[in-house]
Structures are given as C-alpha cells and as structure tokens.
Amino acid sequence: MGSIYRRKWKDKDGNIREGEILWIKYYRNGKPIRESTGSSKDADAKRLLKKREGEISAGKLPGIYFDRVRFDELAEDFLTDYRINNKKSLKRAEASVGHLYKSFGGMRVTEINTPRINAYIHTRLSEGAENATINRELAALKRMLNLGATQTPPRVDRVPHIAMLRENNVRKGFFEHGEFLALRDTLPDHLKGVATFGYKVGWRHEEICTLTWKQVDLRQVIVRLEPGEAKNDEARTVYLDEELKEVFKGQWNRRKKLETALPFVFLNEKGTDRIKRFDKAWKTACERAGIGKRLFHDFRRTAVRNMVRAGIPERVAMMISGHKSRSVFERYNIVNDADLKLAAQRQEAYLQGQMGTKMGTVVDLQEKRGLNSVSQVPQTSS
C-alpha cells in the first residue's frame, strides 16, 4: 500500500540532490498522502508507515491530520462555541484561554499530553494562582479538546487525562439578622431596597439591579425571571412578602415622580439610570455597622440558610434562590456556632425525654460516690 523514499531535487547547478530525512507515501480512499517521518532511520520510517496503514485499515483518519491541528485553532473554536450559545461566562472563558496561550499557544494538539498539562499546573501554582482558578482553566482546555474530538471530521484523536486540583469551595460568609438590620440602616436610601430583596430572596447582585417593571406584577405580588434572564437560564418566580411589597411600592412611587419613566425597578441615587456598582457605599456601610468586611453575595448564602431554617423545603428554596445544582446549594446551607449549640441542647432534651427523668451528670455521679472533694479522689502513685 505504501512506500518509503527520500525527496530529491535539483540544485542550482542542475545536480540531483537527495535529502537525509525519510518520507512515507500511503493511500486513503485512493488518494496519495505524503508525510515526513522526521527521521533518517529506516526503522522509524517503517514503524510510522505501518501505523498509518493500520489507522486507515481501522477506518480512522491518519494521524497526519491531527498533527496539523494547533492549539490556537481549538481555542478559537472554543470561544466561538461560547459566543454562538450566548454563554454568560464568556469573559471568564476568554481569561482562561489567555493563560493557556502562554503555555500551549502555537503547539500541535498531538503534543498536548498529561506531562505538559502537569507542567502548566506547576507554573500557574508558582505564579500564585488559586486552585479554583487553575481548575477553570483546565476545564476550558478539556472542553476545547472534547469539542475537537466530536467534530466531523474530528480534529483531535485523543483527549489526554487532565487531573483537576482539590479546591476548598465552602463559602462561610453570611449575615445574622441583627447584622443585616444594622447594615441596612447605614446604607444610602436608594440601596436599602436592593439589600432587603437580596437578603430575603438570595438573588445575585446583577439579577436584582437589572430587574425591570415588566418582570414585576404588583397585583399578583410576584417578581419573575424568564428563561435566559437568569444565570442558570431557568425561569424563576418569587412571591413578595409584606415588607418586600412595600419596597416595590416605594420604588414605583419614586418612578412616577421622575420626568422620564425608566424601565428599571432599582434606580441610582439621582434616578437617572439603574443601580450598577456601589462598592464604596457598601464598604462604608459595613464599617459604620461594625460588621467587618462582607460581600453582597453573602446575602445569597444567608437567604438559603434562613429558608432552610424556617422549614421551607429545599427544592422550593432552590427555586427561589435560583440554585440549579444541589451540590452548590449545600455549600451555602451553612452551619454556624448557634446551630451547633442548638443541636447539643436538642440532643440533651431528647435523651432526657428517653430517660423520663433528668439525666445524671458526671458531677452528680461523683457526689453519689463521695468523690466530691480532693481528699476523696483516688490518688495515683508517682
């Protein structure tokens, strides 16, 4: 089926010259394919020719097709997939690709293997990158390779093993109710409603600040996110309690007083646009409230915890807060010291109920045995 040869050419004097590197020639679907072996040894050429003929016999594309594919092409296909599907995490994907380019840019895809990937991980760790950040970059690389492998015809013949790093993604920040009230009292008036809605419902900062009156029905007392408007692309409906009802009525009355009727529910201090960033005002309010450094995203964790503590079924709480994955939801369902103390008290009450009488403590038992004084406690010999 194939042959091994050296390329020949004429030099400027008309003499026939022969190269040292061996080439192979084989056929696929009746068409000849020529490929350099990169070696001058007959054994290497025979081995590569046998490999290519085996691939063709098995109905596979010969490896030369994959050798031509570069990382840059897969990266562009990856970002195009994000743009076509209008994924909200496009900026994060672009950042991940930027870091990957530094190590894999211009490299043949067939050269991307587990040792090279491990070397990349080591480099990123030495640069001070967090495990979670590196994992997002590795996930992007894996997605690129998988996209290439599933194309027709495929551009990747194998996806190397990519070991993800262990990351501590347990979230700890949340608000006690008194802390929330102290913070809300110190926030500027135009941010009080945003904070109240975030604290009770657990929506993301961007979901609240981009909320429009088309998504609010004050007669039905509901707020709705349609598919595609939320981060997880799922519809979401929330019924407003009495306090939130007053918040939205106040925002509506403020809107009616403005010369221009804006579509957004929560407007900035001047009423000229929606609320965007308020980092400085938030930081100042936290300091004045004496609660230390907090994040608006802590409201999201707090709302989940409060709903579960209030006895709301977890599935319903997830529908309200917009958590699609239960594993993510569980990371926000935080246990604090007060929960642990309450658990100890409830266990003690339960055990006392089982005994029918008050349980004896270690001190009670010592007193019964007459071991309540130092002189009565058995001494061990030194």
Protein backbone atom coordinates (compact mmCIF):
# COMPACT_ATOMS: atom_id res chain seq x y z
CA MET A 1 0.00 0.00 0.00
CA GLY A 2 2.75 2.45 0.84
CA SER A 3 6.38 3.22 0.24
CA ILE A 4 9.39 4.85 1.86
CA TYR A 5 11.59 7.29 -0.01
CA ARG A 6 13.90 10.28 0.20
CA ARG A 7 12.96 13.50 -1.54
CA LYS A 8 15.12 14.53 -4.48
CA TRP A 9 15.63 17.87 -6.17
CA LYS A 10 17.96 19.70 -8.49
CA ASP A 11 20.34 22.27 -7.14
CA LYS A 12 21.24 25.48 -8.98
CA ASP A 13 23.94 23.63 -10.91
CA GLY A 14 21.48 21.02 -12.16
CA ASN A 15 22.80 18.24 -9.95
CA ILE A 16 20.36 15.77 -8.37
CA ARG A 17 20.36 16.04 -4.58
CA GLU A 18 18.76 13.70 -2.08
CA GLY A 19 17.59 14.62 1.41
CA GLU A 20 18.53 12.72 4.55
CA ILE A 21 15.03 12.67 6.04
CA LEU A 22 12.86 9.74 5.02
CA TRP A 23 9.32 10.25 3.76
CA ILE A 24 6.42 7.80 3.50
CA LYS A 25 3.66 7.56 0.94
CA TYR A 26 0.36 5.76 1.52
CA TYR A 27 -3.22 5.91 0.21
CA ARG A 28 -6.59 6.74 1.71
CA ASN A 29 -9.74 6.46 -0.43
CA GLY A 30 -7.49 6.15 -3.47
CA LYS A 31 -5.73 9.45 -2.78
CA PRO A 32 -1.98 9.51 -2.04
CA ILE A 33 -0.77 11.07 1.21
CA ARG A 34 2.86 12.01 1.70
CA GLU A 35 4.30 12.58 5.15
CA SER A 36 7.73 13.33 6.55
CA THR A 37 8.94 10.88 9.20
CA GLY A 38 11.28 13.45 10.70
CA SER A 39 13.94 10.74 10.86
CA SER A 40 16.69 9.31 8.66
CA LYS A 41 16.37 5.81 10.14
CA ASP A 42 14.63 3.06 8.14
CA ALA A 43 13.16 1.52 11.32
CA ASP A 44 11.42 4.78 12.25
CA ALA A 45 10.02 5.15 8.73
CA LYS A 46 8.72 1.58 8.64
CA ARG A 47 7.13 1.98 12.05
CA LEU A 48 5.29 5.17 11.05
CA LEU A 49 4.14 3.70 7.73
CA LYS A 50 2.78 0.62 9.47
CA LYS A 51 0.98 2.84 11.99
CA ARG A 52 -0.65 4.96 9.27
CA GLU A 53 -1.74 1.91 7.29
CA GLY A 54 -3.22 0.41 10.46
CA GLU A 55 -5.19 3.58 11.13
CA ILE A 56 -6.60 3.58 7.60
CA SER A 57 -7.47 -0.13 7.78
CA ALA A 58 -9.41 0.55 11.01
CA GLY A 59 -11.38 3.32 9.29
CA LYS A 60 -9.67 6.09 11.23
CA LEU A 61 -8.18 9.30 9.96
CA PRO A 62 -4.39 9.01 9.69
CA GLY A 63 -2.55 10.85 12.41
CA ILE A 64 -1.11 13.38 9.97
CA TYR A 65 -4.47 15.17 10.00
CA PHE A 66 -4.27 15.64 13.76
CA ASP A 67 -0.61 16.66 13.66
CA ARG A 68 -1.60 19.68 11.58
CA VAL A 69 -4.09 20.99 14.15
CA ARG A 70 -2.76 23.66 16.51
CA PHE A 71 -3.94 24.75 19.94
CA ASP A 72 -4.84 28.17 18.55
CA GLU A 73 -7.49 26.67 16.26
CA LEU A 74 -9.14 24.75 19.10
CA ALA A 75 -9.09 27.85 21.30
CA GLU A 76 -10.89 29.87 18.64
CA ASP A 77 -13.48 27.10 18.16
CA PHE A 78 -13.98 27.04 21.93
CA LEU A 79 -14.67 30.78 22.16
CA THR A 80 -16.88 30.65 19.07
CA ASP A 81 -18.98 28.00 20.81
CA TYR A 82 -19.39 30.36 23.78
CA ARG A 83 -20.44 33.23 21.53
CA ILE A 84 -22.88 31.15 19.46
CA ASN A 85 -24.60 29.85 22.60
CA ASN A 86 -24.52 33.30 24.22
CA LYS A 87 -22.94 31.96 27.40
CA LYS A 88 -22.76 34.45 30.22
CA SER A 89 -19.31 33.28 31.33
CA LEU A 90 -17.63 34.34 28.07
CA LYS A 91 -15.31 36.81 29.82
CA ARG A 92 -14.12 34.13 32.23
CA ALA A 93 -13.55 31.76 29.28
CA GLU A 94 -11.50 34.42 27.47
CA ALA A 95 -9.39 34.94 30.59
CA SER A 96 -8.77 31.18 30.87
CA VAL A 97 -7.75 30.97 27.21
CA GLY A 98 -5.36 33.88 27.73
CA HIS A 99 -3.47 31.96 30.41
CA LEU A 100 -3.48 28.74 28.39
CA TYR A 101 -2.00 30.53 25.37
CA LYS A 102 1.15 31.31 27.34
CA SER A 103 1.98 27.60 27.59
CA PHE A 104 0.20 25.98 24.64
CA GLY A 105 -0.05 28.73 22.04
CA GLY A 106 1.19 27.52 18.63
CA MET A 107 1.62 23.96 19.90
CA ARG A 108 0.39 20.96 17.94
CA VAL A 109 -2.58 19.33 19.60
CA THR A 110 -0.85 15.94 19.46
CA GLU A 111 1.88 17.41 21.68
CA ILE A 112 -0.57 18.33 24.45
CA ASN A 113 -0.27 15.45 26.90
CA THR A 114 -0.59 14.86 30.64
CA PRO A 115 3.06 15.72 31.49
CA ARG A 116 2.77 19.06 29.67
CA ILE A 117 -0.53 19.78 31.41
CA ASN A 118 1.02 18.98 34.80
CA ALA A 119 3.88 21.34 33.96
CA TYR A 120 1.29 24.03 33.21
CA ILE A 121 -0.35 23.44 36.59
CA HIS A 122 3.01 23.75 38.33
CA THR A 123 3.70 27.03 36.52
CA ARG A 124 0.33 28.52 37.47
CA LEU A 125 0.76 27.48 41.11
CA SER A 126 4.19 29.13 41.19
CA GLU A 127 2.54 32.31 39.87
CA GLY A 128 0.22 32.30 42.88
CA ALA A 129 -2.97 31.24 41.10
CA GLU A 130 -5.65 29.65 43.29
CA ASN A 131 -6.64 26.01 42.74
CA ALA A 132 -10.15 27.05 41.75
CA THR A 133 -8.78 29.43 39.09
CA ILE A 134 -6.49 26.76 37.66
CA ASN A 135 -9.38 24.28 37.58
CA ARG A 136 -11.45 26.70 35.49
CA GLU A 137 -8.55 26.94 33.03
CA LEU A 138 -8.12 23.15 32.91
CA ALA A 139 -11.86 22.77 32.34
CA ALA A 140 -11.56 25.17 29.38
CA LEU A 141 -8.69 23.10 27.95
CA LYS A 142 -10.66 19.88 28.37
CA ARG A 143 -13.67 21.46 26.67
CA MET A 144 -11.51 22.56 23.72
CA LEU A 145 -10.17 19.05 23.22
CA ASN A 146 -13.61 17.47 23.55
CA LEU A 147 -15.06 19.89 21.00
CA GLY A 148 -12.28 18.98 18.61
CA ALA A 149 -12.83 15.26 19.15
CA THR A 150 -16.58 15.46 18.43
CA GLN A 151 -16.34 17.48 15.22
CA THR A 152 -16.91 15.94 11.77
CA PRO A 153 -14.27 15.16 10.73
CA PRO A 154 -12.58 15.06 14.15
CA ARG A 155 -9.65 17.38 14.81
CA VAL A 156 -8.48 15.59 17.95
CA ASP A 157 -7.85 11.86 18.04
CA ARG A 158 -7.49 11.55 21.81
CA VAL A 159 -8.18 13.64 24.89
CA PRO A 160 -5.39 13.28 27.47
CA HIS A 161 -6.15 12.73 31.14
CA ILE A 162 -6.45 16.06 32.95
CA ALA A 163 -6.36 15.80 36.74
CA MET A 164 -8.23 18.60 38.50
CA LEU A 165 -6.88 20.17 41.67
CA ARG A 166 -8.58 19.87 45.00
CA GLU A 167 -10.23 23.12 45.99
CA ASN A 168 -11.84 24.37 49.14
CA ASN A 169 -15.02 25.95 47.81
CA VAL A 170 -17.03 26.05 51.03
CA ARG A 171 -18.50 29.52 51.48
CA LYS A 172 -18.51 30.90 55.01
CA GLY A 173 -19.82 34.46 54.88
CA PHE A 174 -23.40 35.15 55.97
CA PHE A 175 -25.45 37.68 57.93
CA GLU A 176 -27.20 37.28 61.21
CA HIS A 177 -30.49 39.18 61.21
CA GLY A 178 -29.23 41.90 63.56
CA GLU A 179 -26.19 42.45 61.36
CA PHE A 180 -28.39 42.87 58.31
CA LEU A 181 -30.58 45.43 60.06
CA ALA A 182 -27.51 47.38 61.21
CA LEU A 183 -26.13 47.38 57.67
CA ARG A 184 -29.40 48.40 56.05
CA ASP A 185 -29.78 51.33 58.43
CA THR A 186 -26.39 52.72 57.35
CA LEU A 187 -26.84 52.19 53.59
CA PRO A 188 -27.97 55.11 51.40
CA ASP A 189 -31.74 55.18 50.85
CA HIS A 190 -31.56 54.08 47.20
CA LEU A 191 -29.70 50.88 48.22
CA LYS A 192 -31.94 49.82 51.12
CA GLY A 193 -34.47 48.10 48.85
CA VAL A 194 -31.75 46.25 46.95
CA ALA A 195 -30.26 44.98 50.20
CA THR A 196 -33.66 43.89 51.57
CA PHE A 197 -34.56 42.00 48.40
CA GLY A 198 -31.13 40.34 48.27
CA TYR A 199 -31.24 39.36 51.94
CA LYS A 200 -34.69 37.75 51.71
CA VAL A 201 -34.64 36.18 48.25
CA GLY A 202 -30.96 35.43 47.64
CA TRP A 203 -30.79 36.60 44.04
CA ARG A 204 -27.49 37.68 42.52
CA HIS A 205 -26.48 41.34 42.51
CA GLU A 206 -26.80 41.63 38.72
CA GLU A 207 -30.21 39.91 38.66
CA ILE A 208 -31.59 42.43 41.15
CA CYS A 209 -30.06 45.56 39.65
CA THR A 210 -31.22 44.73 36.10
CA LEU A 211 -34.77 43.92 37.23
CA THR A 212 -37.40 45.81 35.18
CA TRP A 213 -41.04 46.59 35.81
CA LYS A 214 -42.03 44.19 33.01
CA GLN A 215 -40.86 41.43 35.34
CA VAL A 216 -42.99 42.68 38.26
CA ASP A 217 -46.71 42.12 38.79
CA LEU A 218 -47.83 44.13 41.82
CA ARG A 219 -51.41 42.83 41.52
CA GLN A 220 -50.28 39.22 41.76
CA VAL A 221 -47.46 40.36 44.08
CA ILE A 222 -44.81 38.41 42.17
CA VAL A 223 -41.46 39.03 40.53
CA ARG A 224 -40.47 36.81 37.62
CA LEU A 225 -37.27 36.00 35.73
CA GLU A 226 -37.86 34.47 32.32
CA PRO A 227 -35.61 31.78 30.82
CA GLY A 228 -32.35 33.39 29.66
CA GLU A 229 -32.61 36.31 32.10
CA ALA A 230 -31.06 34.37 34.98
CA LYS A 231 -27.55 32.95 35.15
CA ASN A 232 -28.79 29.36 35.06
CA ASP A 233 -31.17 30.13 32.14
CA GLU A 234 -34.20 28.84 34.06
CA ALA A 235 -37.39 30.73 34.82
CA ARG A 236 -37.91 31.86 38.39
CA THR A 237 -40.92 33.27 40.24
CA VAL A 238 -40.91 34.85 43.69
CA TYR A 239 -43.94 35.94 45.74
CA LEU A 240 -43.34 39.13 47.71
CA ASP A 241 -43.98 39.21 51.44
CA GLU A 242 -45.43 42.31 53.09
CA GLU A 243 -42.07 44.03 53.59
CA LEU A 244 -40.94 43.44 50.02
CA LYS A 245 -44.35 44.53 48.76
CA GLU A 246 -43.78 47.89 50.45
CA VAL A 247 -40.27 48.08 48.97
CA PHE A 248 -41.60 47.68 45.44
CA LYS A 249 -44.46 50.11 46.01
CA GLY A 250 -41.91 52.66 47.21
CA GLN A 251 -39.83 52.14 44.07
CA TRP A 252 -42.93 52.54 41.89
CA ASN A 253 -43.92 55.79 43.61
CA ARG A 254 -40.39 57.11 43.13
CA ARG A 255 -40.56 56.24 39.45
CA LYS A 256 -43.81 58.18 39.00
CA LYS A 257 -42.16 61.33 40.36
CA LEU A 258 -39.38 61.27 37.78
CA GLU A 259 -39.64 63.18 34.50
CA THR A 260 -38.52 60.13 32.50
CA ALA A 261 -40.11 56.78 33.25
CA LEU A 262 -37.21 54.34 33.35
CA PRO A 263 -37.81 50.60 32.97
CA PHE A 264 -35.66 49.55 35.93
CA VAL A 265 -37.01 48.88 39.42
CA PHE A 266 -33.98 49.96 41.44
CA LEU A 267 -32.57 53.32 40.32
CA ASN A 268 -29.37 55.10 41.28
CA GLU A 269 -29.31 57.99 43.75
CA LYS A 270 -30.14 60.61 41.12
CA GLY A 271 -32.80 58.48 39.43
CA THR A 272 -31.10 58.73 36.04
CA ASP A 273 -30.28 55.05 35.47
CA ARG A 274 -30.31 51.65 37.14
CA ILE A 275 -28.03 50.87 40.05
CA LYS A 276 -24.71 49.48 38.85
CA ARG A 277 -21.70 49.29 41.16
CA PHE A 278 -21.84 50.52 44.73
CA ASP A 279 -18.63 49.08 46.22
CA LYS A 280 -17.64 52.26 48.06
CA ALA A 281 -21.07 52.84 49.61
CA TRP A 282 -21.24 49.17 50.63
CA LYS A 283 -17.80 49.21 52.26
CA THR A 284 -18.60 52.41 54.17
CA ALA A 285 -21.92 50.99 55.42
CA CYS A 286 -20.23 47.78 56.62
CA GLU A 287 -17.68 49.81 58.56
CA ARG A 288 -20.32 52.03 60.16
CA ALA A 289 -22.44 49.00 61.06
CA GLY A 290 -19.40 47.41 62.74
CA ILE A 291 -19.77 44.07 60.94
CA GLY A 292 -16.38 43.94 59.24
CA LYS A 293 -15.75 43.05 55.63
CA ARG A 294 -18.79 41.49 53.95
CA LEU A 295 -19.88 40.74 50.41
CA PHE A 296 -23.26 41.31 48.79
CA HIS A 297 -23.06 37.67 47.73
CA ASP A 298 -23.24 36.77 51.44
CA PHE A 299 -26.94 37.62 51.18
CA ARG A 300 -27.29 34.71 48.77
CA ARG A 301 -25.86 32.26 51.28
CA THR A 302 -27.85 33.84 54.10
CA ALA A 303 -31.17 33.60 52.26
CA VAL A 304 -30.64 29.90 51.58
CA ARG A 305 -29.75 29.21 55.20
CA ASN A 306 -32.69 31.20 56.53
CA MET A 307 -35.19 29.49 54.23
CA VAL A 308 -34.00 26.04 55.30
CA ARG A 309 -34.04 27.03 58.97
CA ALA A 310 -37.59 28.35 58.50
CA GLY A 311 -38.69 24.89 57.35
CA ILE A 312 -39.05 25.71 53.65
CA PRO A 313 -38.44 22.53 51.57
CA GLU A 314 -35.02 22.56 49.96
CA ARG A 315 -36.43 22.18 46.45
CA VAL A 316 -38.62 25.25 46.93
CA ALA A 317 -35.71 27.23 48.37
CA MET A 318 -33.62 26.30 45.32
CA MET A 319 -36.40 27.51 43.01
CA ILE A 320 -36.49 30.86 44.82
CA SER A 321 -32.75 31.47 45.02
CA GLY A 322 -32.02 30.05 41.57
CA HIS A 323 -29.63 27.27 42.53
CA LYS A 324 -29.63 24.69 39.77
CA SER A 325 -27.15 22.24 41.31
CA ARG A 326 -27.84 20.82 44.74
CA SER A 327 -24.12 20.48 45.44
CA VAL A 328 -23.79 24.26 45.07
CA PHE A 329 -26.91 24.77 47.19
CA GLU A 330 -25.43 22.63 50.00
CA ARG A 331 -22.28 24.76 50.12
CA TYR A 332 -24.46 27.74 51.07
CA ASN A 333 -26.50 25.88 53.69
CA ILE A 334 -24.03 26.89 56.38
CA VAL A 335 -23.97 25.69 59.96
CA ASN A 336 -22.74 28.26 62.48
CA ASP A 337 -21.92 28.11 66.20
CA ALA A 338 -25.51 28.91 67.16
CA ASP A 339 -26.73 25.92 65.12
CA LEU A 340 -24.23 23.63 66.82
CA LYS A 341 -25.22 24.86 70.26
CA LEU A 342 -28.91 24.37 69.47
CA ALA A 343 -28.16 20.84 68.25
CA ALA A 344 -26.48 19.99 71.58
CA GLN A 345 -29.42 21.38 73.54
CA ARG A 346 -31.95 19.45 71.46
CA GLN A 347 -29.99 16.23 71.83
CA GLU A 348 -29.84 16.68 75.60
CA ALA A 349 -33.58 17.34 75.77
CA TYR A 350 -34.23 14.25 73.64
CA LEU A 351 -32.11 11.99 75.81
CA GLN A 352 -33.73 13.33 78.97
CA GLY A 353 -37.10 12.53 77.46
CA GLN A 354 -35.96 8.97 76.81
CA MET A 355 -34.91 8.53 80.45
CA GLY A 356 -38.12 10.04 81.77
CA THR A 357 -36.12 11.92 84.39
CA LYS A 358 -33.28 14.40 84.42
CA MET A 359 -30.06 12.77 83.30
CA GLY A 360 -27.29 12.45 85.84
CA THR A 361 -24.10 14.30 85.02
CA VAL A 362 -20.55 13.26 85.78
CA VAL A 363 -20.57 15.62 88.77
CA ASP A 364 -23.80 14.02 90.09
CA LEU A 365 -22.25 10.56 89.87
CA GLN A 366 -19.12 11.70 91.70
CA GLU A 367 -21.19 13.18 94.51
CA LYS A 368 -23.13 9.92 94.89
CA ARG A 369 -19.89 8.01 95.24
CA GLY A 370 -18.46 10.52 97.73
CA LEU A 371 -15.78 11.75 95.35
CA ASN A 372 -16.68 15.41 95.51
CA SER A 373 -13.57 16.53 97.40
CA VAL A 374 -9.92 16.31 96.54
CA SER A 375 -9.16 14.12 99.54
CA GLN A 376 -11.72 11.56 98.38
CA VAL A 377 -10.42 11.33 94.82
CA PRO A 378 -8.17 8.27 94.47
CA GLN A 379 -4.52 9.31 94.08
CA THR A 380 -2.17 7.61 91.68
CA SER A 381 1.33 6.83 92.83
CA SER A 382 4.16 8.75 91.19
